[in-house]
Amino acid sequence: MKYAVPISGDSVATHFGHCEQFALFDVDETKRQILKKELVSSPGHEPDFLPHWLTGKGVSRIIAGGMGSRAQNLFRRNRIGVIIGTMEKDPDKAVLSYLDGKLTTGSNICNH
């Protein structure tokens, strides 16, 4: 499985579409571990583009602080699971916490 986490600086971005980079993680869900991490620059925030771009990268799940409802629906249509409202700032810890069933989430930070 491949997970994507939007990041700005070294932290999980509060707004999915305006992140600087995506951390892409190849994970073994059975062993609950990260196998590989790759940082890729965001191609920018254009309507409908990111779901197709991340699908092309093999992403199956996104962990984010906030994401608009339209983007959430587009990802789900592309068979990408969406976890929003993460309280974890460290992208690696967010993925590991999710794999362990311990990721703390709150409100969707994005309200559009």
PDB file of N, CA and C in Angstrom:
ATOM      1  N   MET A   1       0.848  -1.179   0.000  1.00  0.00           N
ATOM      2  CA  MET A   1       0.000   0.000   0.000  1.00  0.00           C
ATOM      3  C   MET A   1       0.889   1.237   0.000  1.00  0.00           C
ATOM      4  N   LYS A   2       0.382   2.283  -0.622  1.00  0.00           N
ATOM      5  CA  LYS A   2       1.106   3.549  -0.640  1.00  0.00           C
ATOM      6  C   LYS A   2       0.223   4.623  -0.018  1.00  0.00           C
ATOM      7  N   TYR A   3       0.790   5.352   0.934  1.00  0.00           N
ATOM      8  CA  TYR A   3       0.113   6.445   1.616  1.00  0.00           C
ATOM      9  C   TYR A   3       0.743   7.762   1.177  1.00  0.00           C
ATOM     10  N   ALA A   4      -0.069   8.814   1.140  1.00  0.00           N
ATOM     11  CA  ALA A   4       0.422  10.163   0.864  1.00  0.00           C
ATOM     12  C   ALA A   4       0.059  11.065   2.029  1.00  0.00           C
ATOM     13  N   VAL A   5       1.011  11.894   2.430  1.00  0.00           N
ATOM     14  CA  VAL A   5       0.781  12.881   3.482  1.00  0.00           C
ATOM     15  C   VAL A   5       1.251  14.231   2.936  1.00  0.00           C
ATOM     16  N   PRO A   6       0.358  15.225   2.862  1.00  0.00           N
ATOM     17  CA  PRO A   6       0.774  16.546   2.403  1.00  0.00           C
ATOM     18  C   PRO A   6       1.593  17.228   3.496  1.00  0.00           C
ATOM     19  N   ILE A   7       2.713  17.841   3.099  1.00  0.00           N
ATOM     20  CA  ILE A   7       3.553  18.495   4.098  1.00  0.00           C
ATOM     21  C   ILE A   7       3.946  19.904   3.658  1.00  0.00           C
ATOM     22  N   SER A   8       4.127  20.738   4.643  1.00  0.00           N
ATOM     23  CA  SER A   8       4.675  22.084   4.472  1.00  0.00           C
ATOM     24  C   SER A   8       5.762  22.227   5.520  1.00  0.00           C
ATOM     25  N   GLY A   9       6.955  22.592   5.086  1.00  0.00           N
ATOM     26  CA  GLY A   9       8.088  22.571   6.004  1.00  0.00           C
ATOM     27  C   GLY A   9       8.377  21.118   6.326  1.00  0.00           C
ATOM     28  N   ASP A  10       8.376  20.809   7.602  1.00  0.00           N
ATOM     29  CA  ASP A  10       8.586  19.423   8.027  1.00  0.00           C
ATOM     30  C   ASP A  10       7.328  18.826   8.642  1.00  0.00           C
ATOM     31  N   SER A  11       6.204  19.534   8.556  1.00  0.00           N
ATOM     32  CA  SER A  11       4.986  19.129   9.253  1.00  0.00           C
ATOM     33  C   SER A  11       3.853  18.797   8.295  1.00  0.00           C
ATOM     34  N   VAL A  12       2.897  18.029   8.802  1.00  0.00           N
ATOM     35  CA  VAL A  12       1.681  17.757   8.039  1.00  0.00           C
ATOM     36  C   VAL A  12       1.016  19.100   7.733  1.00  0.00           C
ATOM     37  N   ALA A  13       0.707  19.335   6.476  1.00  0.00           N
ATOM     38  CA  ALA A  13       0.094  20.599   6.062  1.00  0.00           C
ATOM     39  C   ALA A  13      -1.332  20.697   6.582  1.00  0.00           C
ATOM     40  N   THR A  14      -1.715  21.889   6.997  1.00  0.00           N
ATOM     41  CA  THR A  14      -3.077  22.080   7.494  1.00  0.00           C
ATOM     42  C   THR A  14      -4.086  22.143   6.357  1.00  0.00           C
ATOM     43  N   HIS A  15      -3.647  22.524   5.174  1.00  0.00           N
ATOM     44  CA  HIS A  15      -4.539  22.576   4.013  1.00  0.00           C
ATOM     45  C   HIS A  15      -3.947  21.696   2.924  1.00  0.00           C
ATOM     46  N   PHE A  16      -4.611  20.618   2.620  1.00  0.00           N
ATOM     47  CA  PHE A  16      -4.142  19.614   1.681  1.00  0.00           C
ATOM     48  C   PHE A  16      -3.682  20.202   0.347  1.00  0.00           C
ATOM     49  N   GLY A  17      -4.511  20.997  -0.287  1.00  0.00           N
ATOM     50  CA  GLY A  17      -4.232  21.501  -1.620  1.00  0.00           C
ATOM     51  C   GLY A  17      -3.135  22.538  -1.706  1.00  0.00           C
ATOM     52  N   HIS A  18      -2.742  23.106  -0.567  1.00  0.00           N
ATOM     53  CA  HIS A  18      -1.725  24.152  -0.584  1.00  0.00           C
ATOM     54  C   HIS A  18      -0.400  23.695   0.018  1.00  0.00           C
ATOM     55  N   CYS A  19      -0.168  22.411   0.034  1.00  0.00           N
ATOM     56  CA  CYS A  19       1.072  21.892   0.607  1.00  0.00           C
ATOM     57  C   CYS A  19       2.243  22.148  -0.343  1.00  0.00           C
ATOM     58  N   GLU A  20       3.459  22.080   0.211  1.00  0.00           N
ATOM     59  CA  GLU A  20       4.676  22.252  -0.578  1.00  0.00           C
ATOM     60  C   GLU A  20       5.103  20.942  -1.226  1.00  0.00           C
ATOM     61  N   GLN A  21       4.916  19.857  -0.488  1.00  0.00           N
ATOM     62  CA  GLN A  21       5.365  18.536  -0.930  1.00  0.00           C
ATOM     63  C   GLN A  21       4.374  17.478  -0.462  1.00  0.00           C
ATOM     64  N   PHE A  22       4.548  16.299  -1.018  1.00  0.00           N
ATOM     65  CA  PHE A  22       3.855  15.126  -0.514  1.00  0.00           C
ATOM     66  C   PHE A  22       4.909  14.126  -0.072  1.00  0.00           C
ATOM     67  N   ALA A  23       4.726  13.570   1.106  1.00  0.00           N
ATOM     68  CA  ALA A  23       5.536  12.449   1.548  1.00  0.00           C
ATOM     69  C   ALA A  23       4.769  11.201   1.119  1.00  0.00           C
ATOM     70  N   LEU A  24       5.410  10.386   0.288  1.00  0.00           N
ATOM     71  CA  LEU A  24       4.794   9.145  -0.171  1.00  0.00           C
ATOM     72  C   LEU A  24       5.449   7.996   0.568  1.00  0.00           C
ATOM     73  N   PHE A  25       4.632   7.177   1.194  1.00  0.00           N
ATOM     74  CA  PHE A  25       5.119   6.076   2.010  1.00  0.00           C
ATOM     75  C   PHE A  25       4.651   4.752   1.433  1.00  0.00           C
ATOM     76  N   ASP A  26       5.592   3.850   1.177  1.00  0.00           N
ATOM     77  CA  ASP A  26       5.240   2.465   0.899  1.00  0.00           C
ATOM     78  C   ASP A  26       5.188   1.790   2.260  1.00  0.00           C
ATOM     79  N   VAL A  27       4.061   1.162   2.564  1.00  0.00           N
ATOM     80  CA  VAL A  27       3.900   0.559   3.886  1.00  0.00           C
ATOM     81  C   VAL A  27       3.504  -0.908   3.772  1.00  0.00           C
ATOM     82  N   ASP A  28       3.878  -1.652   4.789  1.00  0.00           N
ATOM     83  CA  ASP A  28       3.410  -3.021   4.966  1.00  0.00           C
ATOM     84  C   ASP A  28       2.381  -2.953   6.084  1.00  0.00           C
ATOM     85  N   GLU A  29       1.106  -3.016   5.714  1.00  0.00           N
ATOM     86  CA  GLU A  29       0.043  -2.877   6.714  1.00  0.00           C
ATOM     87  C   GLU A  29       0.004  -4.055   7.674  1.00  0.00           C
ATOM     88  N   THR A  30       0.387  -5.227   7.216  1.00  0.00           N
ATOM     89  CA  THR A  30       0.394  -6.405   8.082  1.00  0.00           C
ATOM     90  C   THR A  30       1.436  -6.263   9.186  1.00  0.00           C
ATOM     91  N   LYS A  31       2.635  -5.846   8.801  1.00  0.00           N
ATOM     92  CA  LYS A  31       3.720  -5.670   9.779  1.00  0.00           C
ATOM     93  C   LYS A  31       3.683  -4.302  10.440  1.00  0.00           C
ATOM     94  N   ARG A  32       2.793  -3.412   9.936  1.00  0.00           N
ATOM     95  CA  ARG A  32       2.646  -2.061  10.457  1.00  0.00           C
ATOM     96  C   ARG A  32       3.971  -1.298  10.469  1.00  0.00           C
ATOM     97  N   GLN A  33       4.589  -1.266   9.288  1.00  0.00           N
ATOM     98  CA  GLN A  33       5.856  -0.546   9.188  1.00  0.00           C
ATOM     99  C   GLN A  33       5.987   0.172   7.856  1.00  0.00           C
ATOM    100  N   ILE A  34       6.804   1.204   7.882  1.00  0.00           N
ATOM    101  CA  ILE A  34       7.118   1.958   6.673  1.00  0.00           C
ATOM    102  C   ILE A  34       8.286   1.266   5.984  1.00  0.00           C
ATOM    103  N   LEU A  35       8.112   0.971   4.699  1.00  0.00           N
ATOM    104  CA  LEU A  35       9.161   0.326   3.927  1.00  0.00           C
ATOM    105  C   LEU A  35      10.023   1.337   3.180  1.00  0.00           C
ATOM    106  N   LYS A  36       9.394   2.428   2.747  1.00  0.00           N
ATOM    107  CA  LYS A  36      10.102   3.441   1.956  1.00  0.00           C
ATOM    108  C   LYS A  36       9.374   4.763   2.072  1.00  0.00           C
ATOM    109  N   LYS A  37      10.135   5.846   2.045  1.00  0.00           N
ATOM    110  CA  LYS A  37       9.561   7.192   2.065  1.00  0.00           C
ATOM    111  C   LYS A  37      10.204   8.005   0.952  1.00  0.00           C
ATOM    112  N   GLU A  38       9.366   8.738   0.218  1.00  0.00           N
ATOM    113  CA  GLU A  38       9.843   9.587  -0.859  1.00  0.00           C
ATOM    114  C   GLU A  38       9.142  10.934  -0.759  1.00  0.00           C
ATOM    115  N   LEU A  39       9.896  12.014  -0.903  1.00  0.00           N
ATOM    116  CA  LEU A  39       9.311  13.357  -0.920  1.00  0.00           C
ATOM    117  C   LEU A  39       9.228  13.828  -2.367  1.00  0.00           C
ATOM    118  N   VAL A  40       8.035  14.272  -2.764  1.00  0.00           N
ATOM    119  CA  VAL A  40       7.840  14.790  -4.116  1.00  0.00           C
ATOM    120  C   VAL A  40       7.197  16.168  -4.012  1.00  0.00           C
ATOM    121  N   SER A  41       7.643  17.073  -4.848  1.00  0.00           N
ATOM    122  CA  SER A  41       7.075  18.418  -4.859  1.00  0.00           C
ATOM    123  C   SER A  41       5.634  18.374  -5.326  1.00  0.00           C
ATOM    124  N   SER A  42       4.829  19.211  -4.729  1.00  0.00           N
ATOM    125  CA  SER A  42       3.433  19.315  -5.145  1.00  0.00           C
ATOM    126  C   SER A  42       3.368  19.926  -6.543  1.00  0.00           C
ATOM    127  N   PRO A  43       2.533  19.360  -7.407  1.00  0.00           N
ATOM    128  CA  PRO A  43       2.398  19.939  -8.744  1.00  0.00           C
ATOM    129  C   PRO A  43       1.527  21.182  -8.764  1.00  0.00           C
ATOM    130  N   GLY A  44       1.008  21.590  -7.617  1.00  0.00           N
ATOM    131  CA  GLY A  44       0.147  22.762  -7.540  1.00  0.00           C
ATOM    132  C   GLY A  44      -1.293  22.376  -7.258  1.00  0.00           C
ATOM    133  N   HIS A  45      -2.097  23.389  -7.007  1.00  0.00           N
ATOM    134  CA  HIS A  45      -3.480  23.176  -6.598  1.00  0.00           C
ATOM    135  C   HIS A  45      -4.401  23.554  -7.747  1.00  0.00           C
ATOM    136  N   GLU A  46      -4.774  22.553  -8.530  1.00  0.00           N
ATOM    137  CA  GLU A  46      -5.715  22.756  -9.619  1.00  0.00           C
ATOM    138  C   GLU A  46      -6.895  21.817  -9.396  1.00  0.00           C
ATOM    139  N   PRO A  47      -8.105  22.280  -9.619  1.00  0.00           N
ATOM    140  CA  PRO A  47      -9.270  21.416  -9.416  1.00  0.00           C
ATOM    141  C   PRO A  47      -9.151  20.114 -10.206  1.00  0.00           C
ATOM    142  N   ASP A  48      -9.444  19.032  -9.545  1.00  0.00           N
ATOM    143  CA  ASP A  48      -9.477  17.679 -10.121  1.00  0.00           C
ATOM    144  C   ASP A  48      -8.111  17.095 -10.485  1.00  0.00           C
ATOM    145  N   PHE A  49      -7.031  17.843 -10.370  1.00  0.00           N
ATOM    146  CA  PHE A  49      -5.734  17.331 -10.804  1.00  0.00           C
ATOM    147  C   PHE A  49      -5.096  16.388  -9.789  1.00  0.00           C
ATOM    148  N   LEU A  50      -5.056  16.778  -8.510  1.00  0.00           N
ATOM    149  CA  LEU A  50      -4.344  15.985  -7.509  1.00  0.00           C
ATOM    150  C   LEU A  50      -4.866  14.553  -7.362  1.00  0.00           C
ATOM    151  N   PRO A  51      -6.177  14.319  -7.397  1.00  0.00           N
ATOM    152  CA  PRO A  51      -6.625  12.923  -7.303  1.00  0.00           C
ATOM    153  C   PRO A  51      -6.057  12.043  -8.419  1.00  0.00           C
ATOM    154  N   HIS A  52      -6.017  12.551  -9.630  1.00  0.00           N
ATOM    155  CA  HIS A  52      -5.486  11.768 -10.745  1.00  0.00           C
ATOM    156  C   HIS A  52      -3.964  11.621 -10.646  1.00  0.00           C
ATOM    157  N   TRP A  53      -3.306  12.693 -10.226  1.00  0.00           N
ATOM    158  CA  TRP A  53      -1.856  12.661 -10.087  1.00  0.00           C
ATOM    159  C   TRP A  53      -1.426  11.651  -9.018  1.00  0.00           C
ATOM    160  N   LEU A  54      -2.084  11.675  -7.862  1.00  0.00           N
ATOM    161  CA  LEU A  54      -1.726  10.741  -6.789  1.00  0.00           C
ATOM    162  C   LEU A  54      -2.143   9.310  -7.130  1.00  0.00           C
ATOM    163  N   THR A  55      -3.240   9.144  -7.849  1.00  0.00           N
ATOM    164  CA  THR A  55      -3.617   7.812  -8.319  1.00  0.00           C
ATOM    165  C   THR A  55      -2.510   7.264  -9.231  1.00  0.00           C
ATOM    166  N   GLY A  56      -1.989   8.109 -10.089  1.00  0.00           N
ATOM    167  CA  GLY A  56      -0.902   7.706 -10.973  1.00  0.00           C
ATOM    168  C   GLY A  56       0.364   7.325 -10.234  1.00  0.00           C
ATOM    169  N   LYS A  57       0.535   7.842  -9.044  1.00  0.00           N
ATOM    170  CA  LYS A  57       1.688   7.500  -8.214  1.00  0.00           C
ATOM    171  C   LYS A  57       1.433   6.236  -7.384  1.00  0.00           C
ATOM    172  N   GLY A  58       0.225   5.666  -7.503  1.00  0.00           N
ATOM    173  CA  GLY A  58      -0.088   4.431  -6.794  1.00  0.00           C
ATOM    174  C   GLY A  58      -0.605   4.622  -5.384  1.00  0.00           C
ATOM    175  N   VAL A  59      -0.999   5.833  -5.029  1.00  0.00           N
ATOM    176  CA  VAL A  59      -1.471   6.118  -3.665  1.00  0.00           C
ATOM    177  C   VAL A  59      -2.829   5.454  -3.432  1.00  0.00           C
ATOM    178  N   SER A  60      -2.971   4.831  -2.270  1.00  0.00           N
ATOM    179  CA  SER A  60      -4.234   4.189  -1.905  1.00  0.00           C
ATOM    180  C   SER A  60      -4.890   4.837  -0.689  1.00  0.00           C
ATOM    181  N   ARG A  61      -4.126   5.676   0.042  1.00  0.00           N
ATOM    182  CA  ARG A  61      -4.672   6.311   1.239  1.00  0.00           C
ATOM    183  C   ARG A  61      -3.957   7.637   1.470  1.00  0.00           C
ATOM    184  N   ILE A  62      -4.730   8.634   1.935  1.00  0.00           N
ATOM    185  CA  ILE A  62      -4.184   9.952   2.254  1.00  0.00           C
ATOM    186  C   ILE A  62      -4.474  10.263   3.716  1.00  0.00           C
ATOM    187  N   ILE A  63      -3.476  10.777   4.403  1.00  0.00           N
ATOM    188  CA  ILE A  63      -3.642  11.257   5.771  1.00  0.00           C
ATOM    189  C   ILE A  63      -3.368  12.750   5.729  1.00  0.00           C
ATOM    190  N   ALA A  64      -4.345  13.560   6.150  1.00  0.00           N
ATOM    191  CA  ALA A  64      -4.207  15.013   6.035  1.00  0.00           C
ATOM    192  C   ALA A  64      -4.825  15.721   7.237  1.00  0.00           C
ATOM    193  N   GLY A  65      -4.420  16.966   7.411  1.00  0.00           N
ATOM    194  CA  GLY A  65      -5.016  17.802   8.450  1.00  0.00           C
ATOM    195  C   GLY A  65      -6.384  18.302   8.032  1.00  0.00           C
ATOM    196  N   GLY A  66      -6.472  18.772   6.793  1.00  0.00           N
ATOM    197  CA  GLY A  66      -7.735  19.291   6.295  1.00  0.00           C
ATOM    198  C   GLY A  66      -7.848  19.143   4.796  1.00  0.00           C
ATOM    199  N   MET A  67      -9.082  18.972   4.335  1.00  0.00           N
ATOM    200  CA  MET A  67      -9.344  18.803   2.911  1.00  0.00           C
ATOM    201  C   MET A  67     -10.801  19.149   2.647  1.00  0.00           C
ATOM    202  N   GLY A  68     -11.042  19.880   1.573  1.00  0.00           N
ATOM    203  CA  GLY A  68     -12.401  20.236   1.196  1.00  0.00           C
ATOM    204  C   GLY A  68     -13.233  19.018   0.815  1.00  0.00           C
ATOM    205  N   SER A  69     -14.540  19.137   0.935  1.00  0.00           N
ATOM    206  CA  SER A  69     -15.429  18.005   0.661  1.00  0.00           C
ATOM    207  C   SER A  69     -15.375  17.570  -0.805  1.00  0.00           C
ATOM    208  N   ARG A  70     -15.201  18.508  -1.716  1.00  0.00           N
ATOM    209  CA  ARG A  70     -15.114  18.138  -3.133  1.00  0.00           C
ATOM    210  C   ARG A  70     -13.891  17.262  -3.382  1.00  0.00           C
ATOM    211  N   ALA A  71     -12.756  17.640  -2.827  1.00  0.00           N
ATOM    212  CA  ALA A  71     -11.534  16.844  -2.977  1.00  0.00           C
ATOM    213  C   ALA A  71     -11.714  15.469  -2.346  1.00  0.00           C
ATOM    214  N   GLN A  72     -12.337  15.405  -1.176  1.00  0.00           N
ATOM    215  CA  GLN A  72     -12.571  14.107  -0.538  1.00  0.00           C
ATOM    216  C   GLN A  72     -13.375  13.187  -1.448  1.00  0.00           C
ATOM    217  N   ASN A  73     -14.425  13.730  -2.048  1.00  0.00           N
ATOM    218  CA  ASN A  73     -15.254  12.925  -2.948  1.00  0.00           C
ATOM    219  C   ASN A  73     -14.474  12.470  -4.172  1.00  0.00           C
ATOM    220  N   LEU A  74     -13.643  13.345  -4.724  1.00  0.00           N
ATOM    221  CA  LEU A  74     -12.844  12.977  -5.892  1.00  0.00           C
ATOM    222  C   LEU A  74     -11.863  11.857  -5.562  1.00  0.00           C
ATOM    223  N   PHE A  75     -11.251  11.931  -4.389  1.00  0.00           N
ATOM    224  CA  PHE A  75     -10.327  10.864  -3.996  1.00  0.00           C
ATOM    225  C   PHE A  75     -11.071   9.548  -3.809  1.00  0.00           C
ATOM    226  N   ARG A  76     -12.196   9.592  -3.173  1.00  0.00           N
ATOM    227  CA  ARG A  76     -12.957   8.357  -2.964  1.00  0.00           C
ATOM    228  C   ARG A  76     -13.389   7.750  -4.295  1.00  0.00           C
ATOM    229  N   ARG A  77     -13.757   8.589  -5.259  1.00  0.00           N
ATOM    230  CA  ARG A  77     -14.109   8.091  -6.603  1.00  0.00           C
ATOM    231  C   ARG A  77     -12.924   7.420  -7.277  1.00  0.00           C
ATOM    232  N   ASN A  78     -11.725   7.860  -6.920  1.00  0.00           N
ATOM    233  CA  ASN A  78     -10.506   7.264  -7.460  1.00  0.00           C
ATOM    234  C   ASN A  78      -9.968   6.144  -6.568  1.00  0.00           C
ATOM    235  N   ARG A  79     -10.808   5.655  -5.665  1.00  0.00           N
ATOM    236  CA  ARG A  79     -10.477   4.540  -4.761  1.00  0.00           C
ATOM    237  C   ARG A  79      -9.291   4.831  -3.845  1.00  0.00           C
ATOM    238  N   ILE A  80      -9.201   6.088  -3.404  1.00  0.00           N
ATOM    239  CA  ILE A  80      -8.182   6.476  -2.439  1.00  0.00           C
ATOM    240  C   ILE A  80      -8.891   6.817  -1.135  1.00  0.00           C
ATOM    241  N   GLY A  81      -8.537   6.109  -0.061  1.00  0.00           N
ATOM    242  CA  GLY A  81      -9.108   6.382   1.246  1.00  0.00           C
ATOM    243  C   GLY A  81      -8.585   7.690   1.805  1.00  0.00           C
ATOM    244  N   VAL A  82      -9.428   8.414   2.526  1.00  0.00           N
ATOM    245  CA  VAL A  82      -9.072   9.728   3.054  1.00  0.00           C
ATOM    246  C   VAL A  82      -9.252   9.730   4.568  1.00  0.00           C
ATOM    247  N   ILE A  83      -8.188  10.081   5.266  1.00  0.00           N
ATOM    248  CA  ILE A  83      -8.234  10.263   6.723  1.00  0.00           C
ATOM    249  C   ILE A  83      -7.897  11.728   6.959  1.00  0.00           C
ATOM    250  N   ILE A  84      -8.837  12.477   7.497  1.00  0.00           N
ATOM    251  CA  ILE A  84      -8.611  13.909   7.706  1.00  0.00           C
ATOM    252  C   ILE A  84      -8.712  14.268   9.182  1.00  0.00           C
ATOM    253  N   GLY A  85      -8.173  15.430   9.495  1.00  0.00           N
ATOM    254  CA  GLY A  85      -8.242  15.932  10.862  1.00  0.00           C
ATOM    255  C   GLY A  85      -7.135  15.411  11.747  1.00  0.00           C
ATOM    256  N   THR A  86      -6.040  14.898  11.141  1.00  0.00           N
ATOM    257  CA  THR A  86      -4.974  14.384  11.984  1.00  0.00           C
ATOM    258  C   THR A  86      -4.421  15.479  12.892  1.00  0.00           C
ATOM    259  N   MET A  87      -4.168  15.104  14.117  1.00  0.00           N
ATOM    260  CA  MET A  87      -3.583  16.018  15.091  1.00  0.00           C
ATOM    261  C   MET A  87      -2.054  15.885  15.114  1.00  0.00           C
ATOM    262  N   GLU A  88      -1.541  14.839  14.485  1.00  0.00           N
ATOM    263  CA  GLU A  88      -0.102  14.571  14.457  1.00  0.00           C
ATOM    264  C   GLU A  88       0.572  15.495  13.444  1.00  0.00           C
ATOM    265  N   LYS A  89       1.652  16.115  13.832  1.00  0.00           N
ATOM    266  CA  LYS A  89       2.373  17.031  12.951  1.00  0.00           C
ATOM    267  C   LYS A  89       3.488  16.331  12.168  1.00  0.00           C
ATOM    268  N   ASP A  90       4.047  15.267  12.718  1.00  0.00           N
ATOM    269  CA  ASP A  90       5.132  14.532  12.066  1.00  0.00           C
ATOM    270  C   ASP A  90       4.547  13.531  11.074  1.00  0.00           C
ATOM    271  N   PRO A  91       4.864  13.651   9.775  1.00  0.00           N
ATOM    272  CA  PRO A  91       4.272  12.763   8.777  1.00  0.00           C
ATOM    273  C   PRO A  91       4.540  11.278   9.036  1.00  0.00           C
ATOM    274  N   ASP A  92       5.769  10.939   9.425  1.00  0.00           N
ATOM    275  CA  ASP A  92       6.105   9.540   9.700  1.00  0.00           C
ATOM    276  C   ASP A  92       5.280   8.998  10.869  1.00  0.00           C
ATOM    277  N   LYS A  93       5.191   9.795  11.922  1.00  0.00           N
ATOM    278  CA  LYS A  93       4.421   9.368  13.096  1.00  0.00           C
ATOM    279  C   LYS A  93       2.936   9.248  12.765  1.00  0.00           C
ATOM    280  N   ALA A  94       2.438  10.119  11.882  1.00  0.00           N
ATOM    281  CA  ALA A  94       1.028  10.039  11.492  1.00  0.00           C
ATOM    282  C   ALA A  94       0.741   8.697  10.823  1.00  0.00           C
ATOM    283  N   VAL A  95       1.611   8.299   9.908  1.00  0.00           N
ATOM    284  CA  VAL A  95       1.422   7.022   9.212  1.00  0.00           C
ATOM    285  C   VAL A  95       1.542   5.853  10.180  1.00  0.00           C
ATOM    286  N   LEU A  96       2.576   5.866  11.007  1.00  0.00           N
ATOM    287  CA  LEU A  96       2.765   4.767  11.962  1.00  0.00           C
ATOM    288  C   LEU A  96       1.617   4.690  12.973  1.00  0.00           C
ATOM    289  N   SER A  97       1.161   5.838  13.439  1.00  0.00           N
ATOM    290  CA  SER A  97       0.029   5.850  14.381  1.00  0.00           C
ATOM    291  C   SER A  97      -1.224   5.294  13.715  1.00  0.00           C
ATOM    292  N   TYR A  98      -1.456   5.647  12.456  1.00  0.00           N
ATOM    293  CA  TYR A  98      -2.612   5.114  11.730  1.00  0.00           C
ATOM    294  C   TYR A  98      -2.494   3.594  11.591  1.00  0.00           C
ATOM    295  N   LEU A  99      -1.318   3.115  11.226  1.00  0.00           N
ATOM    296  CA  LEU A  99      -1.118   1.675  11.076  1.00  0.00           C
ATOM    297  C   LEU A  99      -1.352   0.927  12.382  1.00  0.00           C
ATOM    298  N   ASP A 100      -1.019   1.580  13.503  1.00  0.00           N
ATOM    299  CA  ASP A 100      -1.221   0.977  14.823  1.00  0.00           C
ATOM    300  C   ASP A 100      -2.630   1.194  15.376  1.00  0.00           C
ATOM    301  N   GLY A 101      -3.468   1.918  14.616  1.00  0.00           N
ATOM    302  CA  GLY A 101      -4.833   2.192  15.079  1.00  0.00           C
ATOM    303  C   GLY A 101      -4.890   3.228  16.177  1.00  0.00           C
ATOM    304  N   LYS A 102      -3.880   4.093  16.243  1.00  0.00           N
ATOM    305  CA  LYS A 102      -3.785   5.064  17.332  1.00  0.00           C
ATOM    306  C   LYS A 102      -3.727   6.513  16.850  1.00  0.00           C
ATOM    307  N   LEU A 103      -4.036   6.764  15.582  1.00  0.00           N
ATOM    308  CA  LEU A 103      -3.971   8.127  15.068  1.00  0.00           C
ATOM    309  C   LEU A 103      -5.106   8.955  15.652  1.00  0.00           C
ATOM    310  N   THR A 104      -4.745  10.059  16.283  1.00  0.00           N
ATOM    311  CA  THR A 104      -5.729  10.968  16.855  1.00  0.00           C
ATOM    312  C   THR A 104      -6.177  11.950  15.780  1.00  0.00           C
ATOM    313  N   THR A 105      -7.477  12.045  15.594  1.00  0.00           N
ATOM    314  CA  THR A 105      -8.022  12.997  14.622  1.00  0.00           C
ATOM    315  C   THR A 105      -9.013  13.906  15.315  1.00  0.00           C
ATOM    316  N   GLY A 106      -9.173  15.081  14.745  1.00  0.00           N
ATOM    317  CA  GLY A 106     -10.119  16.059  15.248  1.00  0.00           C
ATOM    318  C   GLY A 106     -10.964  16.564  14.093  1.00  0.00           C
ATOM    319  N   SER A 107     -11.308  17.803  14.160  1.00  0.00           N
ATOM    320  CA  SER A 107     -12.122  18.415  13.105  1.00  0.00           C
ATOM    321  C   SER A 107     -11.325  18.579  11.823  1.00  0.00           C
ATOM    322  N   ASN A 108     -12.022  18.575  10.729  1.00  0.00           N
ATOM    323  CA  ASN A 108     -11.433  18.879   9.437  1.00  0.00           C
ATOM    324  C   ASN A 108     -11.017  20.353   9.470  1.00  0.00           C
ATOM    325  N   ILE A 109      -9.740  20.611   9.306  1.00  0.00           N
ATOM    326  CA  ILE A 109      -9.231  21.965   9.402  1.00  0.00           C
ATOM    327  C   ILE A 109      -9.687  22.825   8.227  1.00  0.00           C
ATOM    328  N   CYS A 110      -9.957  22.190   7.089  1.00  0.00           N
ATOM    329  CA  CYS A 110     -10.397  22.901   5.891  1.00  0.00           C
ATOM    330  C   CYS A 110     -11.926  22.947   5.871  1.00  0.00           C
ATOM    331  N   ASN A 111     -12.494  24.106   5.646  1.00  0.00           N
ATOM    332  CA  ASN A 111     -13.956  24.223   5.725  1.00  0.00           C
ATOM    333  C   ASN A 111     -14.613  24.536   4.377  1.00  0.00           C
ATOM    334  N   HIS A 112     -13.996  24.152   3.264  1.00  0.00           N
ATOM    335  CA  HIS A 112     -14.641  24.354   1.975  1.00  0.00           C
ATOM    336  C   HIS A 112     -14.706  23.095   1.162  1.00  0.00           C
TER     337      HIS A 112
END
